[in-house]
Amino acid sequence: MKLAQLTLWTFIVSVAAAATSNAAVPPDHAQRMERGLELFQKSIRPLLSDHCVKCHGGQKTKGDFDLTTREGLLRGGADGPSVKLYDSRSSRLFDLVSHAQEPHMPSKAAKRRSRRHSAKR
């Protein structure tokens, strides 16, 4: 996954998590939410649609992890919460999409990379 995609994931996870936390709201919360919504609509939604919701959306939700709603993202899946509030880089979701933890997500992209890596040997 490209660095820009990881950065976007980090941003959306932190914004989405912050929006539902019971912790104190930072003074610039409204501005962060506005920027986050714009970024989500332009960049994150297409990534989720192209790479995630085929398996984690609607009636087909592998691992009980539904990314079609903000509530689903924040709830997490069968393995528990995927988002760590205010610390998205240490969240499970970030580790999965950055391929720091298995199963790598999206899994088909990981398989393609693995096959390309094996072919180069």
PDB file of N, CA and C in Angstrom:
ATOM      1  N   MET A   1       0.850  -1.168   0.000  1.00  0.00           N
ATOM      2  CA  MET A   1       0.000   0.000   0.000  1.00  0.00           C
ATOM      3  C   MET A   1       0.895   1.230   0.000  1.00  0.00           C
ATOM      4  N   LYS A   2       0.517   2.229  -0.750  1.00  0.00           N
ATOM      5  CA  LYS A   2       1.308   3.434  -0.870  1.00  0.00           C
ATOM      6  C   LYS A   2       1.261   4.240   0.423  1.00  0.00           C
ATOM      7  N   LEU A   3       2.332   5.020   0.657  1.00  0.00           N
ATOM      8  CA  LEU A   3       2.409   5.846   1.849  1.00  0.00           C
ATOM      9  C   LEU A   3       1.229   6.803   1.940  1.00  0.00           C
ATOM     10  N   ALA A   4       0.813   7.371   0.827  1.00  0.00           N
ATOM     11  CA  ALA A   4      -0.327   8.293   0.841  1.00  0.00           C
ATOM     12  C   ALA A   4      -1.584   7.589   1.329  1.00  0.00           C
ATOM     13  N   GLN A   5      -1.787   6.342   0.925  1.00  0.00           N
ATOM     14  CA  GLN A   5      -2.956   5.596   1.371  1.00  0.00           C
ATOM     15  C   GLN A   5      -2.890   5.344   2.868  1.00  0.00           C
ATOM     16  N   LEU A   6      -1.701   5.003   3.389  1.00  0.00           N
ATOM     17  CA  LEU A   6      -1.552   4.773   4.818  1.00  0.00           C
ATOM     18  C   LEU A   6      -1.805   6.053   5.596  1.00  0.00           C
ATOM     19  N   THR A   7      -1.323   7.158   5.085  1.00  0.00           N
ATOM     20  CA  THR A   7      -1.552   8.437   5.741  1.00  0.00           C
ATOM     21  C   THR A   7      -3.035   8.746   5.792  1.00  0.00           C
ATOM     22  N   LEU A   8      -3.728   8.483   4.704  1.00  0.00           N
ATOM     23  CA  LEU A   8      -5.164   8.718   4.671  1.00  0.00           C
ATOM     24  C   LEU A   8      -5.890   7.829   5.669  1.00  0.00           C
ATOM     25  N   TRP A   9      -5.509   6.567   5.721  1.00  0.00           N
ATOM     26  CA  TRP A   9      -6.114   5.655   6.682  1.00  0.00           C
ATOM     27  C   TRP A   9      -5.898   6.175   8.097  1.00  0.00           C
ATOM     28  N   THR A  10      -4.673   6.584   8.384  1.00  0.00           N
ATOM     29  CA  THR A  10      -4.359   7.096   9.715  1.00  0.00           C
ATOM     30  C   THR A  10      -5.253   8.274  10.050  1.00  0.00           C
ATOM     31  N   PHE A  11      -5.389   9.179   9.110  1.00  0.00           N
ATOM     32  CA  PHE A  11      -6.177  10.375   9.349  1.00  0.00           C
ATOM     33  C   PHE A  11      -7.641  10.041   9.576  1.00  0.00           C
ATOM     34  N   ILE A  12      -8.221   9.233   8.735  1.00  0.00           N
ATOM     35  CA  ILE A  12      -9.648   8.952   8.873  1.00  0.00           C
ATOM     36  C   ILE A  12      -9.940   8.173  10.139  1.00  0.00           C
ATOM     37  N   VAL A  13      -9.073   7.268  10.493  1.00  0.00           N
ATOM     38  CA  VAL A  13      -9.283   6.496  11.715  1.00  0.00           C
ATOM     39  C   VAL A  13      -9.223   7.412  12.925  1.00  0.00           C
ATOM     40  N   SER A  14      -8.271   8.325  12.954  1.00  0.00           N
ATOM     41  CA  SER A  14      -8.170   9.222  14.104  1.00  0.00           C
ATOM     42  C   SER A  14      -9.342  10.185  14.161  1.00  0.00           C
ATOM     43  N   VAL A  15      -9.777  10.696  13.028  1.00  0.00           N
ATOM     44  CA  VAL A  15     -10.917  11.614  13.010  1.00  0.00           C
ATOM     45  C   VAL A  15     -12.196  10.893  13.408  1.00  0.00           C
ATOM     46  N   ALA A  16     -12.427   9.725  12.846  1.00  0.00           N
ATOM     47  CA  ALA A  16     -13.637   8.979  13.172  1.00  0.00           C
ATOM     48  C   ALA A  16     -13.656   8.588  14.642  1.00  0.00           C
ATOM     49  N   ALA A  17     -12.528   8.173  15.150  1.00  0.00           N
ATOM     50  CA  ALA A  17     -12.458   7.777  16.551  1.00  0.00           C
ATOM     51  C   ALA A  17     -12.669   8.966  17.471  1.00  0.00           C
ATOM     52  N   ALA A  18     -12.063  10.076  17.157  1.00  0.00           N
ATOM     53  CA  ALA A  18     -12.197  11.262  17.988  1.00  0.00           C
ATOM     54  C   ALA A  18     -13.633  11.743  18.051  1.00  0.00           C
ATOM     55  N   ALA A  19     -14.372  11.541  16.995  1.00  0.00           N
ATOM     56  CA  ALA A  19     -15.741  12.038  16.933  1.00  0.00           C
ATOM     57  C   ALA A  19     -16.671  11.320  17.902  1.00  0.00           C
ATOM     58  N   THR A  20     -16.299  10.127  18.358  1.00  0.00           N
ATOM     59  CA  THR A  20     -17.191   9.377  19.234  1.00  0.00           C
ATOM     60  C   THR A  20     -16.618   9.142  20.616  1.00  0.00           C
ATOM     61  N   SER A  21     -15.486   9.693  20.901  1.00  0.00           N
ATOM     62  CA  SER A  21     -14.845   9.479  22.186  1.00  0.00           C
ATOM     63  C   SER A  21     -15.534  10.283  23.285  1.00  0.00           C
ATOM     64  N   ASN A  22     -15.482   9.780  24.502  1.00  0.00           N
ATOM     65  CA  ASN A  22     -15.989  10.508  25.651  1.00  0.00           C
ATOM     66  C   ASN A  22     -14.924  11.426  26.235  1.00  0.00           C
ATOM     67  N   ALA A  23     -13.733  11.403  25.682  1.00  0.00           N
ATOM     68  CA  ALA A  23     -12.647  12.246  26.159  1.00  0.00           C
ATOM     69  C   ALA A  23     -12.940  13.708  25.817  1.00  0.00           C
ATOM     70  N   ALA A  24     -12.171  14.590  26.418  1.00  0.00           N
ATOM     71  CA  ALA A  24     -12.340  16.020  26.162  1.00  0.00           C
ATOM     72  C   ALA A  24     -12.141  16.310  24.678  1.00  0.00           C
ATOM     73  N   VAL A  25     -12.979  17.179  24.152  1.00  0.00           N
ATOM     74  CA  VAL A  25     -12.927  17.541  22.743  1.00  0.00           C
ATOM     75  C   VAL A  25     -11.930  18.688  22.584  1.00  0.00           C
ATOM     76  N   PRO A  26     -10.985  18.558  21.653  1.00  0.00           N
ATOM     77  CA  PRO A  26     -10.014  19.636  21.460  1.00  0.00           C
ATOM     78  C   PRO A  26     -10.696  20.900  20.933  1.00  0.00           C
ATOM     79  N   PRO A  27     -10.098  22.061  21.176  1.00  0.00           N
ATOM     80  CA  PRO A  27     -10.715  23.320  20.757  1.00  0.00           C
ATOM     81  C   PRO A  27     -10.962  23.421  19.254  1.00  0.00           C
ATOM     82  N   ASP A  28     -10.137  22.780  18.462  1.00  0.00           N
ATOM     83  CA  ASP A  28     -10.288  22.858  17.005  1.00  0.00           C
ATOM     84  C   ASP A  28     -11.042  21.654  16.430  1.00  0.00           C
ATOM     85  N   HIS A  29     -11.873  21.041  17.249  1.00  0.00           N
ATOM     86  CA  HIS A  29     -12.597  19.840  16.848  1.00  0.00           C
ATOM     87  C   HIS A  29     -13.438  20.061  15.586  1.00  0.00           C
ATOM     88  N   ALA A  30     -14.180  21.152  15.526  1.00  0.00           N
ATOM     89  CA  ALA A  30     -15.047  21.413  14.365  1.00  0.00           C
ATOM     90  C   ALA A  30     -14.232  21.525  13.083  1.00  0.00           C
ATOM     91  N   GLN A  31     -13.107  22.203  13.142  1.00  0.00           N
ATOM     92  CA  GLN A  31     -12.255  22.344  11.958  1.00  0.00           C
ATOM     93  C   GLN A  31     -11.672  20.983  11.552  1.00  0.00           C
ATOM     94  N   ARG A  32     -11.267  20.191  12.521  1.00  0.00           N
ATOM     95  CA  ARG A  32     -10.744  18.860  12.216  1.00  0.00           C
ATOM     96  C   ARG A  32     -11.810  17.999  11.536  1.00  0.00           C
ATOM     97  N   MET A  33     -13.024  18.060  12.061  1.00  0.00           N
ATOM     98  CA  MET A  33     -14.109  17.270  11.489  1.00  0.00           C
ATOM     99  C   MET A  33     -14.417  17.720  10.062  1.00  0.00           C
ATOM    100  N   GLU A  34     -14.400  19.013   9.817  1.00  0.00           N
ATOM    101  CA  GLU A  34     -14.664  19.523   8.470  1.00  0.00           C
ATOM    102  C   GLU A  34     -13.596  19.050   7.496  1.00  0.00           C
ATOM    103  N   ARG A  35     -12.327  19.165   7.902  1.00  0.00           N
ATOM    104  CA  ARG A  35     -11.229  18.692   7.041  1.00  0.00           C
ATOM    105  C   ARG A  35     -11.312  17.186   6.844  1.00  0.00           C
ATOM    106  N   GLY A  36     -11.641  16.477   7.917  1.00  0.00           N
ATOM    107  CA  GLY A  36     -11.737  15.027   7.840  1.00  0.00           C
ATOM    108  C   GLY A  36     -12.842  14.566   6.904  1.00  0.00           C
ATOM    109  N   LEU A  37     -13.980  15.232   6.958  1.00  0.00           N
ATOM    110  CA  LEU A  37     -15.088  14.875   6.073  1.00  0.00           C
ATOM    111  C   LEU A  37     -14.717  15.108   4.618  1.00  0.00           C
ATOM    112  N   GLU A  38     -14.087  16.234   4.348  1.00  0.00           N
ATOM    113  CA  GLU A  38     -13.662  16.521   2.971  1.00  0.00           C
ATOM    114  C   GLU A  38     -12.654  15.486   2.483  1.00  0.00           C
ATOM    115  N   LEU A  39     -11.686  15.172   3.318  1.00  0.00           N
ATOM    116  CA  LEU A  39     -10.685  14.170   2.963  1.00  0.00           C
ATOM    117  C   LEU A  39     -11.342  12.804   2.752  1.00  0.00           C
ATOM    118  N   PHE A  40     -12.273  12.454   3.632  1.00  0.00           N
ATOM    119  CA  PHE A  40     -12.956  11.178   3.507  1.00  0.00           C
ATOM    120  C   PHE A  40     -13.687  11.077   2.175  1.00  0.00           C
ATOM    121  N   GLN A  41     -14.450  12.101   1.835  1.00  0.00           N
ATOM    122  CA  GLN A  41     -15.233  12.058   0.609  1.00  0.00           C
ATOM    123  C   GLN A  41     -14.367  12.003  -0.639  1.00  0.00           C
ATOM    124  N   LYS A  42     -13.232  12.686  -0.617  1.00  0.00           N
ATOM    125  CA  LYS A  42     -12.371  12.731  -1.801  1.00  0.00           C
ATOM    126  C   LYS A  42     -11.436  11.526  -1.911  1.00  0.00           C
ATOM    127  N   SER A  43     -10.939  11.051  -0.784  1.00  0.00           N
ATOM    128  CA  SER A  43      -9.864  10.060  -0.840  1.00  0.00           C
ATOM    129  C   SER A  43     -10.149   8.740  -0.149  1.00  0.00           C
ATOM    130  N   ILE A  44     -10.763   8.775   1.020  1.00  0.00           N
ATOM    131  CA  ILE A  44     -10.936   7.552   1.801  1.00  0.00           C
ATOM    132  C   ILE A  44     -12.071   6.686   1.271  1.00  0.00           C
ATOM    133  N   ARG A  45     -13.206   7.302   1.002  1.00  0.00           N
ATOM    134  CA  ARG A  45     -14.352   6.526   0.503  1.00  0.00           C
ATOM    135  C   ARG A  45     -13.976   5.704  -0.731  1.00  0.00           C
ATOM    136  N   PRO A  46     -13.267   6.301  -1.720  1.00  0.00           N
ATOM    137  CA  PRO A  46     -12.872   5.478  -2.876  1.00  0.00           C
ATOM    138  C   PRO A  46     -11.959   4.308  -2.488  1.00  0.00           C
ATOM    139  N   LEU A  47     -11.056   4.509  -1.539  1.00  0.00           N
ATOM    140  CA  LEU A  47     -10.185   3.406  -1.097  1.00  0.00           C
ATOM    141  C   LEU A  47     -10.999   2.302  -0.443  1.00  0.00           C
ATOM    142  N   LEU A  48     -11.910   2.681   0.443  1.00  0.00           N
ATOM    143  CA  LEU A  48     -12.754   1.681   1.091  1.00  0.00           C
ATOM    144  C   LEU A  48     -13.593   0.931   0.060  1.00  0.00           C
ATOM    145  N   SER A  49     -14.188   1.676  -0.861  1.00  0.00           N
ATOM    146  CA  SER A  49     -15.025   1.048  -1.897  1.00  0.00           C
ATOM    147  C   SER A  49     -14.226   0.102  -2.772  1.00  0.00           C
ATOM    148  N   ASP A  50     -13.032   0.513  -3.163  1.00  0.00           N
ATOM    149  CA  ASP A  50     -12.216  -0.290  -4.069  1.00  0.00           C
ATOM    150  C   ASP A  50     -11.542  -1.482  -3.397  1.00  0.00           C
ATOM    151  N   HIS A  51     -11.198  -1.354  -2.119  1.00  0.00           N
ATOM    152  CA  HIS A  51     -10.345  -2.369  -1.504  1.00  0.00           C
ATOM    153  C   HIS A  51     -10.928  -3.084  -0.284  1.00  0.00           C
ATOM    154  N   CYS A  52     -12.002  -2.576   0.302  1.00  0.00           N
ATOM    155  CA  CYS A  52     -12.421  -3.122   1.593  1.00  0.00           C
ATOM    156  C   CYS A  52     -13.856  -3.624   1.661  1.00  0.00           C
ATOM    157  N   VAL A  53     -14.797  -2.850   1.136  1.00  0.00           N
ATOM    158  CA  VAL A  53     -16.201  -3.184   1.384  1.00  0.00           C
ATOM    159  C   VAL A  53     -16.693  -4.415   0.634  1.00  0.00           C
ATOM    160  N   LYS A  54     -15.930  -4.921  -0.297  1.00  0.00           N
ATOM    161  CA  LYS A  54     -16.332  -6.174  -0.948  1.00  0.00           C
ATOM    162  C   LYS A  54     -16.383  -7.298   0.074  1.00  0.00           C
ATOM    163  N   CYS A  55     -15.492  -7.246   1.041  1.00  0.00           N
ATOM    164  CA  CYS A  55     -15.449  -8.272   2.083  1.00  0.00           C
ATOM    165  C   CYS A  55     -15.955  -7.767   3.437  1.00  0.00           C
ATOM    166  N   HIS A  56     -15.905  -6.472   3.647  1.00  0.00           N
ATOM    167  CA  HIS A  56     -16.270  -5.904   4.944  1.00  0.00           C
ATOM    168  C   HIS A  56     -17.358  -4.852   4.779  1.00  0.00           C
ATOM    169  N   GLY A  57     -18.466  -5.267   4.154  1.00  0.00           N
ATOM    170  CA  GLY A  57     -19.537  -4.306   3.963  1.00  0.00           C
ATOM    171  C   GLY A  57     -20.863  -4.953   3.655  1.00  0.00           C
ATOM    172  N   GLY A  58     -21.910  -4.315   4.096  1.00  0.00           N
ATOM    173  CA  GLY A  58     -23.248  -4.799   3.793  1.00  0.00           C
ATOM    174  C   GLY A  58     -23.531  -6.155   4.403  1.00  0.00           C
ATOM    175  N   GLN A  59     -24.104  -7.039   3.606  1.00  0.00           N
ATOM    176  CA  GLN A  59     -24.448  -8.367   4.104  1.00  0.00           C
ATOM    177  C   GLN A  59     -23.230  -9.274   4.209  1.00  0.00           C
ATOM    178  N   LYS A  60     -22.183  -8.959   3.462  1.00  0.00           N
ATOM    179  CA  LYS A  60     -20.966  -9.760   3.518  1.00  0.00           C
ATOM    180  C   LYS A  60     -19.954  -9.024   4.392  1.00  0.00           C
ATOM    181  N   THR A  61     -19.815  -9.493   5.615  1.00  0.00           N
ATOM    182  CA  THR A  61     -18.902  -8.826   6.535  1.00  0.00           C
ATOM    183  C   THR A  61     -17.973  -9.849   7.183  1.00  0.00           C
ATOM    184  N   LYS A  62     -16.874 -10.113   6.525  1.00  0.00           N
ATOM    185  CA  LYS A  62     -15.902 -11.048   7.078  1.00  0.00           C
ATOM    186  C   LYS A  62     -15.416 -10.533   8.430  1.00  0.00           C
ATOM    187  N   GLY A  63     -15.280 -11.436   9.350  1.00  0.00           N
ATOM    188  CA  GLY A  63     -14.810 -11.089  10.676  1.00  0.00           C
ATOM    189  C   GLY A  63     -15.750 -10.167  11.434  1.00  0.00           C
ATOM    190  N   ASP A  64     -17.007 -10.112  11.014  1.00  0.00           N
ATOM    191  CA  ASP A  64     -17.996  -9.225  11.624  1.00  0.00           C
ATOM    192  C   ASP A  64     -17.537  -7.770  11.636  1.00  0.00           C
ATOM    193  N   PHE A  65     -16.749  -7.384  10.640  1.00  0.00           N
ATOM    194  CA  PHE A  65     -16.213  -6.024  10.565  1.00  0.00           C
ATOM    195  C   PHE A  65     -16.824  -5.321   9.362  1.00  0.00           C
ATOM    196  N   ASP A  66     -17.764  -4.419   9.633  1.00  0.00           N
ATOM    197  CA  ASP A  66     -18.512  -3.723   8.590  1.00  0.00           C
ATOM    198  C   ASP A  66     -18.003  -2.295   8.440  1.00  0.00           C
ATOM    199  N   LEU A  67     -17.416  -2.004   7.295  1.00  0.00           N
ATOM    200  CA  LEU A  67     -16.852  -0.681   7.037  1.00  0.00           C
ATOM    201  C   LEU A  67     -17.793   0.227   6.255  1.00  0.00           C
ATOM    202  N   THR A  68     -19.038  -0.160   6.120  1.00  0.00           N
ATOM    203  CA  THR A  68     -19.964   0.674   5.364  1.00  0.00           C
ATOM    204  C   THR A  68     -20.553   1.800   6.209  1.00  0.00           C
ATOM    205  N   THR A  69     -20.366   1.732   7.524  1.00  0.00           N
ATOM    206  CA  THR A  69     -20.839   2.806   8.394  1.00  0.00           C
ATOM    207  C   THR A  69     -19.733   3.214   9.361  1.00  0.00           C
ATOM    208  N   ARG A  70     -19.838   4.431   9.817  1.00  0.00           N
ATOM    209  CA  ARG A  70     -18.888   4.931  10.811  1.00  0.00           C
ATOM    210  C   ARG A  70     -18.991   4.107  12.093  1.00  0.00           C
ATOM    211  N   GLU A  71     -20.203   3.738  12.459  1.00  0.00           N
ATOM    212  CA  GLU A  71     -20.420   2.937  13.654  1.00  0.00           C
ATOM    213  C   GLU A  71     -19.731   1.584  13.538  1.00  0.00           C
ATOM    214  N   GLY A  72     -19.805   0.976  12.350  1.00  0.00           N
ATOM    215  CA  GLY A  72     -19.142  -0.299  12.129  1.00  0.00           C
ATOM    216  C   GLY A  72     -17.632  -0.194  12.262  1.00  0.00           C
ATOM    217  N   LEU A  73     -17.072   0.867  11.718  1.00  0.00           N
ATOM    218  CA  LEU A  73     -15.629   1.099  11.838  1.00  0.00           C
ATOM    219  C   LEU A  73     -15.232   1.218  13.300  1.00  0.00           C
ATOM    220  N   LEU A  74     -15.984   1.982  14.048  1.00  0.00           N
ATOM    221  CA  LEU A  74     -15.640   2.216  15.449  1.00  0.00           C
ATOM    222  C   LEU A  74     -15.922   1.021  16.339  1.00  0.00           C
ATOM    223  N   ARG A  75     -16.928   0.224  15.992  1.00  0.00           N
ATOM    224  CA  ARG A  75     -17.279  -0.962  16.781  1.00  0.00           C
ATOM    225  C   ARG A  75     -16.195  -2.034  16.664  1.00  0.00           C
ATOM    226  N   GLY A  76     -15.641  -2.178  15.470  1.00  0.00           N
ATOM    227  CA  GLY A  76     -14.665  -3.235  15.255  1.00  0.00           C
ATOM    228  C   GLY A  76     -15.339  -4.515  14.816  1.00  0.00           C
ATOM    229  N   GLY A  77     -14.615  -5.607  14.896  1.00  0.00           N
ATOM    230  CA  GLY A  77     -15.148  -6.873  14.420  1.00  0.00           C
ATOM    231  C   GLY A  77     -15.024  -7.976  15.443  1.00  0.00           C
ATOM    232  N   ALA A  78     -14.989  -9.202  14.957  1.00  0.00           N
ATOM    233  CA  ALA A  78     -14.920 -10.380  15.825  1.00  0.00           C
ATOM    234  C   ALA A  78     -13.663 -10.395  16.682  1.00  0.00           C
ATOM    235  N   ASP A  79     -12.600  -9.765  16.201  1.00  0.00           N
ATOM    236  CA  ASP A  79     -11.349  -9.723  16.957  1.00  0.00           C
ATOM    237  C   ASP A  79     -11.258  -8.521  17.880  1.00  0.00           C
ATOM    238  N   GLY A  80     -12.358  -7.795  18.037  1.00  0.00           N
ATOM    239  CA  GLY A  80     -12.385  -6.655  18.945  1.00  0.00           C
ATOM    240  C   GLY A  80     -12.230  -5.340  18.213  1.00  0.00           C
ATOM    241  N   PRO A  81     -11.981  -4.283  18.961  1.00  0.00           N
ATOM    242  CA  PRO A  81     -11.854  -2.951  18.369  1.00  0.00           C
ATOM    243  C   PRO A  81     -10.697  -2.884  17.378  1.00  0.00           C
ATOM    244  N   SER A  82     -10.911  -2.129  16.319  1.00  0.00           N
ATOM    245  CA  SER A  82      -9.875  -1.972  15.306  1.00  0.00           C
ATOM    246  C   SER A  82      -9.243  -0.604  15.337  1.00  0.00           C
ATOM    247  N   VAL A  83      -9.860   0.302  16.072  1.00  0.00           N
ATOM    248  CA  VAL A  83      -9.404   1.682  16.123  1.00  0.00           C
ATOM    249  C   VAL A  83      -9.018   2.024  17.550  1.00  0.00           C
ATOM    250  N   LYS A  84      -7.863   2.633  17.713  1.00  0.00           N
ATOM    251  CA  LYS A  84      -7.439   3.102  19.028  1.00  0.00           C
ATOM    252  C   LYS A  84      -7.644   4.607  19.069  1.00  0.00           C
ATOM    253  N   LEU A  85      -8.512   5.055  19.941  1.00  0.00           N
ATOM    254  CA  LEU A  85      -8.869   6.465  20.006  1.00  0.00           C
ATOM    255  C   LEU A  85      -7.651   7.359  20.210  1.00  0.00           C
ATOM    256  N   TYR A  86      -7.563   8.380  19.400  1.00  0.00           N
ATOM    257  CA  TYR A  86      -6.525   9.412  19.453  1.00  0.00           C
ATOM    258  C   TYR A  86      -5.109   8.872  19.243  1.00  0.00           C
ATOM    259  N   ASP A  87      -4.990   7.630  18.845  1.00  0.00           N
ATOM    260  CA  ASP A  87      -3.664   7.050  18.600  1.00  0.00           C
ATOM    261  C   ASP A  87      -3.794   6.044  17.461  1.00  0.00           C
ATOM    262  N   SER A  88      -4.203   6.527  16.299  1.00  0.00           N
ATOM    263  CA  SER A  88      -4.539   5.634  15.196  1.00  0.00           C
ATOM    264  C   SER A  88      -3.357   4.805  14.714  1.00  0.00           C
ATOM    265  N   ARG A  89      -2.152   5.329  14.811  1.00  0.00           N
ATOM    266  CA  ARG A  89      -0.999   4.553  14.334  1.00  0.00           C
ATOM    267  C   ARG A  89      -0.732   3.311  15.166  1.00  0.00           C
ATOM    268  N   SER A  90      -1.268   3.245  16.355  1.00  0.00           N
ATOM    269  CA  SER A  90      -1.106   2.019  17.142  1.00  0.00           C
ATOM    270  C   SER A  90      -2.383   1.182  17.134  1.00  0.00           C
ATOM    271  N   SER A  91      -3.314   1.500  16.230  1.00  0.00           N
ATOM    272  CA  SER A  91      -4.548   0.720  16.127  1.00  0.00           C
ATOM    273  C   SER A  91      -4.316  -0.550  15.311  1.00  0.00           C
ATOM    274  N   ARG A  92      -5.153  -1.525  15.544  1.00  0.00           N
ATOM    275  CA  ARG A  92      -5.067  -2.785  14.804  1.00  0.00           C
ATOM    276  C   ARG A  92      -5.323  -2.558  13.320  1.00  0.00           C
ATOM    277  N   LEU A  93      -6.274  -1.689  12.992  1.00  0.00           N
ATOM    278  CA  LEU A  93      -6.588  -1.419  11.592  1.00  0.00           C
ATOM    279  C   LEU A  93      -5.363  -0.861  10.864  1.00  0.00           C
ATOM    280  N   PHE A  94      -4.666   0.057  11.479  1.00  0.00           N
ATOM    281  CA  PHE A  94      -3.464   0.616  10.857  1.00  0.00           C
ATOM    282  C   PHE A  94      -2.430  -0.482  10.636  1.00  0.00           C
ATOM    283  N   ASP A  95      -2.236  -1.348  11.633  1.00  0.00           N
ATOM    284  CA  ASP A  95      -1.267  -2.436  11.489  1.00  0.00           C
ATOM    285  C   ASP A  95      -1.648  -3.383  10.349  1.00  0.00           C
ATOM    286  N   LEU A  96      -2.937  -3.649  10.180  1.00  0.00           N
ATOM    287  CA  LEU A  96      -3.368  -4.552   9.117  1.00  0.00           C
ATOM    288  C   LEU A  96      -3.171  -3.940   7.738  1.00  0.00           C
ATOM    289  N   VAL A  97      -3.560  -2.680   7.556  1.00  0.00           N
ATOM    290  CA  VAL A  97      -3.444  -2.073   6.227  1.00  0.00           C
ATOM    291  C   VAL A  97      -2.021  -1.668   5.891  1.00  0.00           C
ATOM    292  N   SER A  98      -1.169  -1.508   6.898  1.00  0.00           N
ATOM    293  CA  SER A  98       0.237  -1.204   6.628  1.00  0.00           C
ATOM    294  C   SER A  98       1.070  -2.482   6.537  1.00  0.00           C
ATOM    295  N   HIS A  99       0.415  -3.614   6.701  1.00  0.00           N
ATOM    296  CA  HIS A  99       1.022  -4.943   6.627  1.00  0.00           C
ATOM    297  C   HIS A  99       2.057  -5.173   7.716  1.00  0.00           C
ATOM    298  N   ALA A 100       1.847  -4.539   8.874  1.00  0.00           N
ATOM    299  CA  ALA A 100       2.695  -4.770  10.033  1.00  0.00           C
ATOM    300  C   ALA A 100       2.167  -5.941  10.862  1.00  0.00           C
ATOM    301  N   GLN A 101       0.934  -6.353  10.610  1.00  0.00           N
ATOM    302  CA  GLN A 101       0.302  -7.444  11.346  1.00  0.00           C
ATOM    303  C   GLN A 101      -0.509  -8.277  10.366  1.00  0.00           C
ATOM    304  N   GLU A 102      -0.560  -9.568  10.592  1.00  0.00           N
ATOM    305  CA  GLU A 102      -1.367 -10.438   9.743  1.00  0.00           C
ATOM    306  C   GLU A 102      -2.738 -10.622  10.352  1.00  0.00           C
ATOM    307  N   PRO A 103      -3.747 -10.837   9.557  1.00  0.00           N
ATOM    308  CA  PRO A 103      -3.723 -10.966   8.111  1.00  0.00           C
ATOM    309  C   PRO A 103      -3.609  -9.601   7.448  1.00  0.00           C
ATOM    310  N   HIS A 104      -2.730  -9.516   6.473  1.00  0.00           N
ATOM    311  CA  HIS A 104      -2.538  -8.266   5.742  1.00  0.00           C
ATOM    312  C   HIS A 104      -3.821  -7.902   5.010  1.00  0.00           C
ATOM    313  N   MET A 105      -4.147  -6.633   5.045  1.00  0.00           N
ATOM    314  CA  MET A 105      -5.345  -6.152   4.366  1.00  0.00           C
ATOM    315  C   MET A 105      -4.975  -5.046   3.394  1.00  0.00           C
ATOM    316  N   PRO A 106      -5.545  -5.027   2.237  1.00  0.00           N
ATOM    317  CA  PRO A 106      -6.472  -6.028   1.727  1.00  0.00           C
ATOM    318  C   PRO A 106      -5.729  -7.313   1.390  1.00  0.00           C
ATOM    319  N   SER A 107      -6.332  -8.434   1.676  1.00  0.00           N
ATOM    320  CA  SER A 107      -5.646  -9.723   1.562  1.00  0.00           C
ATOM    321  C   SER A 107      -5.270 -10.072   0.133  1.00  0.00           C
ATOM    322  N   LYS A 108      -6.078  -9.731  -0.848  1.00  0.00           N
ATOM    323  CA  LYS A 108      -5.736 -10.053  -2.233  1.00  0.00           C
ATOM    324  C   LYS A 108      -4.517  -9.282  -2.693  1.00  0.00           C
ATOM    325  N   ALA A 109      -4.359  -8.052  -2.260  1.00  0.00           N
ATOM    326  CA  ALA A 109      -3.174  -7.271  -2.618  1.00  0.00           C
ATOM    327  C   ALA A 109      -1.930  -7.905  -2.016  1.00  0.00           C
ATOM    328  N   ALA A 110      -2.062  -8.408  -0.806  1.00  0.00           N
ATOM    329  CA  ALA A 110      -0.925  -9.066  -0.161  1.00  0.00           C
ATOM    330  C   ALA A 110      -0.518 -10.312  -0.936  1.00  0.00           C
ATOM    331  N   LYS A 111      -1.496 -11.057  -1.431  1.00  0.00           N
ATOM    332  CA  LYS A 111      -1.194 -12.265  -2.203  1.00  0.00           C
ATOM    333  C   LYS A 111      -0.500 -11.906  -3.511  1.00  0.00           C
ATOM    334  N   ARG A 112      -0.957 -10.836  -4.166  1.00  0.00           N
ATOM    335  CA  ARG A 112      -0.311 -10.420  -5.419  1.00  0.00           C
ATOM    336  C   ARG A 112       1.134 -10.015  -5.160  1.00  0.00           C
ATOM    337  N   ARG A 113       1.376  -9.258  -4.088  1.00  0.00           N
ATOM    338  CA  ARG A 113       2.742  -8.842  -3.768  1.00  0.00           C
ATOM    339  C   ARG A 113       3.600 -10.047  -3.456  1.00  0.00           C
ATOM    340  N   SER A 114       3.034 -11.010  -2.729  1.00  0.00           N
ATOM    341  CA  SER A 114       3.772 -12.202  -2.376  1.00  0.00           C
ATOM    342  C   SER A 114       4.170 -12.991  -3.624  1.00  0.00           C
ATOM    343  N   ARG A 115       3.241 -13.111  -4.573  1.00  0.00           N
ATOM    344  CA  ARG A 115       3.550 -13.828  -5.811  1.00  0.00           C
ATOM    345  C   ARG A 115       4.631 -13.089  -6.603  1.00  0.00           C
ATOM    346  N   ARG A 116       4.543 -11.754  -6.671  1.00  0.00           N
ATOM    347  CA  ARG A 116       5.563 -10.989  -7.391  1.00  0.00           C
ATOM    348  C   ARG A 116       6.923 -11.141  -6.730  1.00  0.00           C
ATOM    349  N   HIS A 117       6.926 -11.136  -5.385  1.00  0.00           N
ATOM    350  CA  HIS A 117       8.182 -11.285  -4.649  1.00  0.00           C
ATOM    351  C   HIS A 117       8.784 -12.654  -4.912  1.00  0.00           C
ATOM    352  N   SER A 118       7.949 -13.702  -4.906  1.00  0.00           N
ATOM    353  CA  SER A 118       8.435 -15.056  -5.170  1.00  0.00           C
ATOM    354  C   SER A 118       8.973 -15.184  -6.572  1.00  0.00           C
ATOM    355  N   ALA A 119       8.346 -14.536  -7.532  1.00  0.00           N
ATOM    356  CA  ALA A 119       8.779 -14.612  -8.936  1.00  0.00           C
ATOM    357  C   ALA A 119      10.128 -13.957  -9.136  1.00  0.00           C
ATOM    358  N   LYS A 120      10.485 -12.981  -8.311  1.00  0.00           N
ATOM    359  CA  LYS A 120      11.763 -12.271  -8.451  1.00  0.00           C
ATOM    360  C   LYS A 120      12.933 -13.085  -7.917  1.00  0.00           C
ATOM    361  N   ARG A 121      12.652 -14.098  -7.133  1.00  0.00           N
ATOM    362  CA  ARG A 121      13.745 -14.884  -6.524  1.00  0.00           C
ATOM    363  C   ARG A 121      14.447 -15.752  -7.524  1.00  0.00           C
TER     364      ARG A 121
END
